[in-house]
């Protein structure tokens, strides 16, 4: 499946989806994960 724009989801719903992904071992939703920034 291909999408041309980002979905607009509440942070709580994204967190629930991430939890389910971890429990099931699958990717349910393609979403951007923030990359940690090292302090210089």
PDB file of N, CA and C in Angstrom:
ATOM      1  N   UNK A   1       0.847  -1.174   0.000  1.00  0.00           N
ATOM      2  CA  UNK A   1       0.000   0.000   0.000  1.00  0.00           C
ATOM      3  C   UNK A   1       0.888   1.231   0.000  1.00  0.00           C
ATOM      4  N   UNK A   2       0.483   2.229  -0.729  1.00  0.00           N
ATOM      5  CA  UNK A   2       1.248   3.464  -0.816  1.00  0.00           C
ATOM      6  C   UNK A   2       0.348   4.645  -0.455  1.00  0.00           C
ATOM      7  N   UNK A   3       0.882   5.542   0.378  1.00  0.00           N
ATOM      8  CA  UNK A   3       0.143   6.736   0.784  1.00  0.00           C
ATOM      9  C   UNK A   3       0.929   7.971   0.379  1.00  0.00           C
ATOM     10  N   UNK A   4       0.224   8.985  -0.042  1.00  0.00           N
ATOM     11  CA  UNK A   4       0.898  10.193  -0.514  1.00  0.00           C
ATOM     12  C   UNK A   4       1.110  11.237   0.576  1.00  0.00           C
ATOM     13  N   UNK A   5       0.509  11.058   1.742  1.00  0.00           N
ATOM     14  CA  UNK A   5       0.685  12.023   2.815  1.00  0.00           C
ATOM     15  C   UNK A   5       0.617  11.321   4.163  1.00  0.00           C
ATOM     16  N   UNK A   6       1.061  12.015   5.200  1.00  0.00           N
ATOM     17  CA  UNK A   6       1.066  11.446   6.538  1.00  0.00           C
ATOM     18  C   UNK A   6      -0.344  11.400   7.122  1.00  0.00           C
ATOM     19  N   UNK A   7      -0.605  10.375   7.934  1.00  0.00           N
ATOM     20  CA  UNK A   7      -1.867  10.292   8.662  1.00  0.00           C
ATOM     21  C   UNK A   7      -1.809  11.244   9.852  1.00  0.00           C
ATOM     22  N   UNK A   8      -2.936  11.682  10.288  1.00  0.00           N
ATOM     23  CA  UNK A   8      -3.009  12.555  11.455  1.00  0.00           C
ATOM     24  C   UNK A   8      -3.644  11.742  12.592  1.00  0.00           C
ATOM     25  N   UNK A   9      -2.805  11.273  13.504  1.00  0.00           N
ATOM     26  CA  UNK A   9      -3.276  10.474  14.626  1.00  0.00           C
ATOM     27  C   UNK A   9      -2.876  11.133  15.933  1.00  0.00           C
ATOM     28  N   UNK A  10      -3.710  10.940  16.934  1.00  0.00           N
ATOM     29  CA  UNK A  10      -3.405  11.456  18.266  1.00  0.00           C
ATOM     30  C   UNK A  10      -2.221  10.667  18.834  1.00  0.00           C
ATOM     31  N   UNK A  11      -1.352  11.321  19.603  1.00  0.00           N
ATOM     32  CA  UNK A  11      -0.195  10.631  20.179  1.00  0.00           C
ATOM     33  C   UNK A  11      -0.563   9.386  20.985  1.00  0.00           C
ATOM     34  N   UNK A  12      -1.684   9.409  21.679  1.00  0.00           N
ATOM     35  CA  UNK A  12      -2.104   8.249  22.474  1.00  0.00           C
ATOM     36  C   UNK A  12      -2.410   7.052  21.573  1.00  0.00           C
ATOM     37  N   UNK A  13      -3.005   7.316  20.411  1.00  0.00           N
ATOM     38  CA  UNK A  13      -3.318   6.229  19.482  1.00  0.00           C
ATOM     39  C   UNK A  13      -2.051   5.658  18.857  1.00  0.00           C
ATOM     40  N   UNK A  14      -1.089   6.519  18.552  1.00  0.00           N
ATOM     41  CA  UNK A  14       0.185   6.055  18.003  1.00  0.00           C
ATOM     42  C   UNK A  14       0.901   5.190  19.036  1.00  0.00           C
ATOM     43  N   UNK A  15       0.871   5.604  20.304  1.00  0.00           N
ATOM     44  CA  UNK A  15       1.503   4.831  21.373  1.00  0.00           C
ATOM     45  C   UNK A  15       0.849   3.456  21.503  1.00  0.00           C
ATOM     46  N   UNK A  16      -0.460   3.378  21.378  1.00  0.00           N
ATOM     47  CA  UNK A  16      -1.173   2.099  21.457  1.00  0.00           C
ATOM     48  C   UNK A  16      -0.782   1.207  20.279  1.00  0.00           C
ATOM     49  N   UNK A  17      -0.679   1.788  19.090  1.00  0.00           N
ATOM     50  CA  UNK A  17      -0.279   1.026  17.913  1.00  0.00           C
ATOM     51  C   UNK A  17       1.146   0.508  18.084  1.00  0.00           C
ATOM     52  N   UNK A  18       2.054   1.333  18.606  1.00  0.00           N
ATOM     53  CA  UNK A  18       3.433   0.904  18.847  1.00  0.00           C
ATOM     54  C   UNK A  18       3.462  -0.251  19.849  1.00  0.00           C
ATOM     55  N   UNK A  19       2.631  -0.189  20.881  1.00  0.00           N
ATOM     56  CA  UNK A  19       2.558  -1.259  21.879  1.00  0.00           C
ATOM     57  C   UNK A  19       2.097  -2.562  21.219  1.00  0.00           C
ATOM     58  N   UNK A  20       1.080  -2.486  20.380  1.00  0.00           N
ATOM     59  CA  UNK A  20       0.573  -3.672  19.691  1.00  0.00           C
ATOM     60  C   UNK A  20       1.617  -4.239  18.734  1.00  0.00           C
ATOM     61  N   UNK A  21       2.351  -3.362  18.057  1.00  0.00           N
ATOM     62  CA  UNK A  21       3.423  -3.815  17.169  1.00  0.00           C
ATOM     63  C   UNK A  21       4.450  -4.637  17.939  1.00  0.00           C
ATOM     64  N   UNK A  22       4.841  -4.153  19.118  1.00  0.00           N
ATOM     65  CA  UNK A  22       5.813  -4.869  19.939  1.00  0.00           C
ATOM     66  C   UNK A  22       5.262  -6.215  20.402  1.00  0.00           C
ATOM     67  N   UNK A  23       3.998  -6.240  20.826  1.00  0.00           N
ATOM     68  CA  UNK A  23       3.385  -7.474  21.304  1.00  0.00           C
ATOM     69  C   UNK A  23       3.261  -8.509  20.187  1.00  0.00           C
ATOM     70  N   UNK A  24       2.875  -8.058  18.990  1.00  0.00           N
ATOM     71  CA  UNK A  24       2.631  -8.979  17.882  1.00  0.00           C
ATOM     72  C   UNK A  24       3.870  -9.259  17.044  1.00  0.00           C
ATOM     73  N   UNK A  25       4.863  -8.402  17.155  1.00  0.00           N
ATOM     74  CA  UNK A  25       6.075  -8.576  16.363  1.00  0.00           C
ATOM     75  C   UNK A  25       5.874  -8.251  14.893  1.00  0.00           C
ATOM     76  N   UNK A  26       4.967  -7.329  14.611  1.00  0.00           N
ATOM     77  CA  UNK A  26       4.683  -6.919  13.230  1.00  0.00           C
ATOM     78  C   UNK A  26       4.668  -5.398  13.144  1.00  0.00           C
ATOM     79  N   UNK A  27       4.659  -4.889  11.930  1.00  0.00           N
ATOM     80  CA  UNK A  27       4.514  -3.446  11.715  1.00  0.00           C
ATOM     81  C   UNK A  27       3.095  -3.207  11.213  1.00  0.00           C
ATOM     82  N   UNK A  28       2.323  -2.480  12.004  1.00  0.00           N
ATOM     83  CA  UNK A  28       0.938  -2.188  11.650  1.00  0.00           C
ATOM     84  C   UNK A  28       0.790  -0.836  10.969  1.00  0.00           C
ATOM     85  N   UNK A  29       1.683   0.080  11.328  1.00  0.00           N
ATOM     86  CA  UNK A  29       1.570   1.444  10.842  1.00  0.00           C
ATOM     87  C   UNK A  29       2.963   1.980  10.561  1.00  0.00           C
ATOM     88  N   UNK A  30       3.169   2.475   9.377  1.00  0.00           N
ATOM     89  CA  UNK A  30       4.452   3.101   9.061  1.00  0.00           C
ATOM     90  C   UNK A  30       4.425   4.499   9.663  1.00  0.00           C
ATOM     91  N   UNK A  31       5.342   4.751  10.575  1.00  0.00           N
ATOM     92  CA  UNK A  31       5.379   6.060  11.214  1.00  0.00           C
ATOM     93  C   UNK A  31       6.816   6.465  11.441  1.00  0.00           C
ATOM     94  N   UNK A  32       7.012   7.750  11.542  1.00  0.00           N
ATOM     95  CA  UNK A  32       8.349   8.295  11.735  1.00  0.00           C
ATOM     96  C   UNK A  32       8.721   8.213  13.204  1.00  0.00           C
ATOM     97  N   UNK A  33       9.886   7.634  13.472  1.00  0.00           N
ATOM     98  CA  UNK A  33      10.393   7.581  14.831  1.00  0.00           C
ATOM     99  C   UNK A  33      11.485   8.628  14.962  1.00  0.00           C
ATOM    100  N   UNK A  34      11.434   9.395  16.043  1.00  0.00           N
ATOM    101  CA  UNK A  34      12.412  10.439  16.282  1.00  0.00           C
ATOM    102  C   UNK A  34      13.777   9.830  16.549  1.00  0.00           C
ATOM    103  N   UNK A  35      14.788  10.357  15.924  1.00  0.00           N
ATOM    104  CA  UNK A  35      16.160   9.917  16.145  1.00  0.00           C
ATOM    105  C   UNK A  35      16.746  10.698  17.306  1.00  0.00           C
ATOM    106  N   UNK A  36      17.312   9.997  18.285  1.00  0.00           N
ATOM    107  CA  UNK A  36      17.907  10.718  19.416  1.00  0.00           C
ATOM    108  C   UNK A  36      19.064  11.600  18.931  1.00  0.00           C
ATOM    109  N   UNK A  37      19.168  12.782  19.515  1.00  0.00           N
ATOM    110  CA  UNK A  37      20.221  13.722  19.142  1.00  0.00           C
ATOM    111  C   UNK A  37      21.284  13.725  20.238  1.00  0.00           C
ATOM    112  N   UNK A  38      22.517  13.518  19.853  1.00  0.00           N
ATOM    113  CA  UNK A  38      23.613  13.530  20.816  1.00  0.00           C
ATOM    114  C   UNK A  38      23.981  14.964  21.160  1.00  0.00           C
ATOM    115  N   UNK A  39      24.216  15.219  22.425  1.00  0.00           N
ATOM    116  CA  UNK A  39      24.662  16.563  22.809  1.00  0.00           C
ATOM    117  C   UNK A  39      26.154  16.668  22.553  1.00  0.00           C
ATOM    118  N   UNK A  40      26.548  17.753  21.961  1.00  0.00           N
ATOM    119  CA  UNK A  40      27.961  17.945  21.616  1.00  0.00           C
ATOM    120  C   UNK A  40      28.653  18.872  22.574  1.00  0.00           C
TER     121      UNK A  40
END
